[in-house]
């Protein structure tokens, strides 16, 4: 990558990284995996920078890459990693720990990866059904059905009393 392209890439990362991490956190379900997801997507973006920057498609490319990687990672999740009932001996400064008590957040994290990705792109990133379909490489009908199933699952798991302020 040329020096000026490298500078524009660094500027893009500096400006957009906080928003990308928030989106990635929603896609993966936790902060650390979200940061890993952003880094993996930015590596792919860096390699494709000259091709995508000219088209003005950088933000969409990163979101699409993050959504596809999140779904792929969920499918390949290591079976050697097991959650434990015992907390670690050291202090954990995980911002998700405080959000872990939120019933809505727990319900969203329990959704299958594709349904969560559809909800994040539709309602967090505010993309249309067509744009969401394009970013995930699926049909508009699949976006609609995945959104419907995800919302039905959330309604089935939650009561009004749980999500009311």
Protein backbone atom coordinates (compact mmCIF):
# COMPACT_ATOMS: atom_id res chain seq x y z
CA UNK A 1 0.00 0.00 0.00
CA UNK A 2 1.29 3.48 -0.85
CA UNK A 3 2.04 5.99 1.90
CA UNK A 4 -1.01 8.13 1.17
CA UNK A 5 -3.31 5.07 1.09
CA UNK A 6 -1.81 3.94 4.36
CA UNK A 7 -2.50 7.35 5.91
CA UNK A 8 -6.14 7.29 4.71
CA UNK A 9 -6.58 3.79 6.11
CA UNK A 10 -5.18 4.88 9.48
CA UNK A 11 -7.50 7.90 9.46
CA UNK A 12 -10.50 5.68 8.70
CA UNK A 13 -9.60 3.34 11.57
CA UNK A 14 -9.08 6.23 14.00
CA UNK A 15 -12.48 7.72 13.14
CA UNK A 16 -14.59 4.56 12.87
CA UNK A 17 -13.05 2.06 15.29
CA UNK A 18 -15.31 2.85 18.31
CA UNK A 19 -18.46 2.42 16.22
CA UNK A 20 -17.08 -0.73 14.60
CA UNK A 21 -16.29 -2.23 18.01
CA UNK A 22 -19.84 -1.51 19.22
CA UNK A 23 -21.28 -3.25 16.16
CA UNK A 24 -18.85 -6.16 16.51
CA UNK A 25 -19.75 -6.53 20.18
CA UNK A 26 -23.38 -6.92 19.21
CA UNK A 27 -22.48 -9.45 16.53
CA UNK A 28 -20.31 -11.61 18.77
CA UNK A 29 -21.98 -11.14 22.12
CA UNK A 30 -18.94 -10.00 24.09
CA UNK A 31 -16.39 -7.22 24.11
CA UNK A 32 -13.17 -9.24 23.66
CA UNK A 33 -14.52 -11.25 20.72
CA UNK A 34 -15.88 -8.01 19.24
CA UNK A 35 -12.42 -6.43 19.33
CA UNK A 36 -10.94 -9.55 17.72
CA UNK A 37 -13.62 -9.40 15.05
CA UNK A 38 -12.85 -5.76 14.26
CA UNK A 39 -9.13 -6.53 13.98
CA UNK A 40 -9.76 -9.46 11.62
CA UNK A 41 -12.10 -7.34 9.48
CA UNK A 42 -9.61 -4.46 9.39
CA UNK A 43 -6.86 -6.81 8.19
CA UNK A 44 -9.06 -7.86 5.29
CA UNK A 45 -9.97 -4.22 4.67
CA UNK A 46 -6.32 -3.18 4.65
CA UNK A 47 -5.54 -5.83 2.03
CA UNK A 48 -8.43 -4.67 -0.17
CA UNK A 49 -8.06 -0.93 0.54
CA UNK A 50 -7.02 0.27 -2.92
CA UNK A 51 -9.88 -1.66 -4.52
CA UNK A 52 -12.66 -0.55 -2.15
CA UNK A 53 -11.65 3.01 -1.28
CA UNK A 54 -12.02 4.18 -4.88
CA UNK A 55 -15.63 2.98 -4.83
CA UNK A 56 -16.39 4.70 -1.52
CA UNK A 57 -17.46 1.36 -0.09
CA UNK A 58 -15.14 1.08 2.89
CA UNK A 59 -17.73 1.21 5.69
CA UNK A 60 -19.98 -1.33 3.99
CA UNK A 61 -17.04 -3.61 3.24
CA UNK A 62 -15.98 -3.64 6.90
CA UNK A 63 -19.54 -4.28 8.14
CA UNK A 64 -20.06 -7.06 5.61
CA UNK A 65 -16.73 -8.62 6.56
CA UNK A 66 -17.53 -8.43 10.27
CA UNK A 67 -20.99 -9.98 9.83
CA UNK A 68 -19.68 -12.84 7.70
CA UNK A 69 -16.73 -13.48 10.02
CA UNK A 70 -19.00 -13.49 13.09
CA UNK A 71 -21.25 -16.11 11.52
CA UNK A 72 -18.25 -18.15 10.40
CA UNK A 73 -16.60 -17.96 13.83
CA UNK A 74 -19.79 -19.09 15.53
CA UNK A 75 -19.90 -22.14 13.27
CA UNK A 76 -16.25 -22.96 13.94
CA UNK A 77 -16.34 -22.28 17.69
CA UNK A 78 -13.72 -24.38 19.40
CA UNK A 79 -15.10 -27.33 21.30
CA UNK A 80 -12.08 -27.23 23.60
CA UNK A 81 -13.33 -24.02 25.22
CA UNK A 82 -15.83 -24.69 27.95
CA UNK A 83 -17.63 -22.16 30.14
CA UNK A 84 -17.24 -22.76 33.84
CA UNK A 85 -19.45 -22.09 36.83
CA UNK A 86 -16.48 -20.87 38.86
CA UNK A 87 -15.27 -17.32 38.27
CA UNK A 88 -11.56 -16.79 37.52
CA UNK A 89 -9.21 -16.02 40.40
CA UNK A 90 -8.20 -12.68 38.92
CA UNK A 91 -10.28 -9.55 38.47
CA UNK A 92 -12.02 -9.19 35.14
CA UNK A 93 -12.69 -5.74 33.72
CA UNK A 94 -15.21 -6.77 31.14
CA UNK A 95 -17.86 -4.15 30.28
CA UNK A 96 -20.18 -7.01 29.30
CA UNK A 97 -20.22 -8.34 32.85
CA UNK A 98 -22.43 -5.44 33.96
CA UNK A 99 -24.66 -5.90 30.93
CA UNK A 100 -24.85 -9.64 31.64
CA UNK A 101 -27.71 -9.08 34.07
CA UNK A 102 -29.82 -7.37 31.40
CA UNK A 103 -32.53 -9.84 30.29
CA UNK A 104 -32.77 -8.32 26.80
CA UNK A 105 -29.02 -8.57 26.23
CA UNK A 106 -29.01 -12.20 27.45
CA UNK A 107 -31.86 -13.00 25.06
CA UNK A 108 -30.10 -11.35 22.11
CA UNK A 109 -26.87 -13.22 22.89
CA UNK A 110 -28.82 -16.51 22.89
CA UNK A 111 -29.98 -16.00 19.28
CA UNK A 112 -28.27 -17.95 16.50
CA UNK A 113 -25.43 -15.98 14.83
CA UNK A 114 -27.26 -15.25 11.58
CA UNK A 115 -30.38 -13.99 13.35
CA UNK A 116 -28.25 -11.79 15.61
CA UNK A 117 -26.33 -10.48 12.57
CA UNK A 118 -29.59 -9.62 10.79
CA UNK A 119 -30.92 -7.77 13.86
CA UNK A 120 -27.66 -5.87 14.35
CA UNK A 121 -27.48 -4.76 10.72
CA UNK A 122 -31.19 -3.93 10.45
CA UNK A 123 -31.71 -2.15 13.76
CA UNK A 124 -28.29 -1.11 15.06
CA UNK A 125 -26.65 -0.21 11.75
CA UNK A 126 -30.06 0.94 10.40
CA UNK A 127 -29.69 -0.82 7.06
CA UNK A 128 -32.62 -1.62 4.81
CA UNK A 129 -33.64 -5.21 4.15
CA UNK A 130 -31.97 -5.07 0.74
CA UNK A 131 -28.72 -3.63 2.15
CA UNK A 132 -28.69 -6.22 4.94
CA UNK A 133 -29.19 -8.99 2.40
CA UNK A 134 -26.36 -7.65 0.27
CA UNK A 135 -23.99 -7.39 3.23
CA UNK A 136 -24.71 -10.93 4.40
CA UNK A 137 -24.90 -12.43 0.92
CA UNK A 138 -28.43 -13.74 1.44
CA UNK A 139 -31.80 -12.99 -0.12
CA UNK A 140 -34.19 -10.29 1.08
CA UNK A 141 -36.68 -13.02 1.93
CA UNK A 142 -34.11 -14.65 4.19
CA UNK A 143 -33.52 -11.31 5.92
CA UNK A 144 -37.26 -11.01 6.51
CA UNK A 145 -37.67 -14.55 7.81
CA UNK A 146 -34.56 -14.34 10.04
CA UNK A 147 -35.78 -11.00 11.45
CA UNK A 148 -39.22 -12.45 12.11
CA UNK A 149 -37.82 -15.55 13.80
CA UNK A 150 -35.40 -13.51 15.92
CA UNK A 151 -38.11 -11.13 17.11
CA UNK A 152 -40.45 -14.05 17.84
CA UNK A 153 -37.69 -15.74 19.85
CA UNK A 154 -37.06 -12.54 21.80
CA UNK A 155 -40.78 -12.14 22.50
CA UNK A 156 -40.95 -15.75 23.66
CA UNK A 157 -38.05 -15.31 26.06
CA UNK A 158 -38.95 -11.94 27.50
CA UNK A 159 -41.85 -10.39 29.34
CA UNK A 160 -42.78 -6.72 29.36
CA UNK A 161 -41.80 -6.52 33.03
CA UNK A 162 -38.25 -7.70 32.23
CA UNK A 163 -37.53 -5.02 29.62
CA UNK A 164 -39.54 -2.11 31.02
CA UNK A 165 -37.35 0.57 32.63
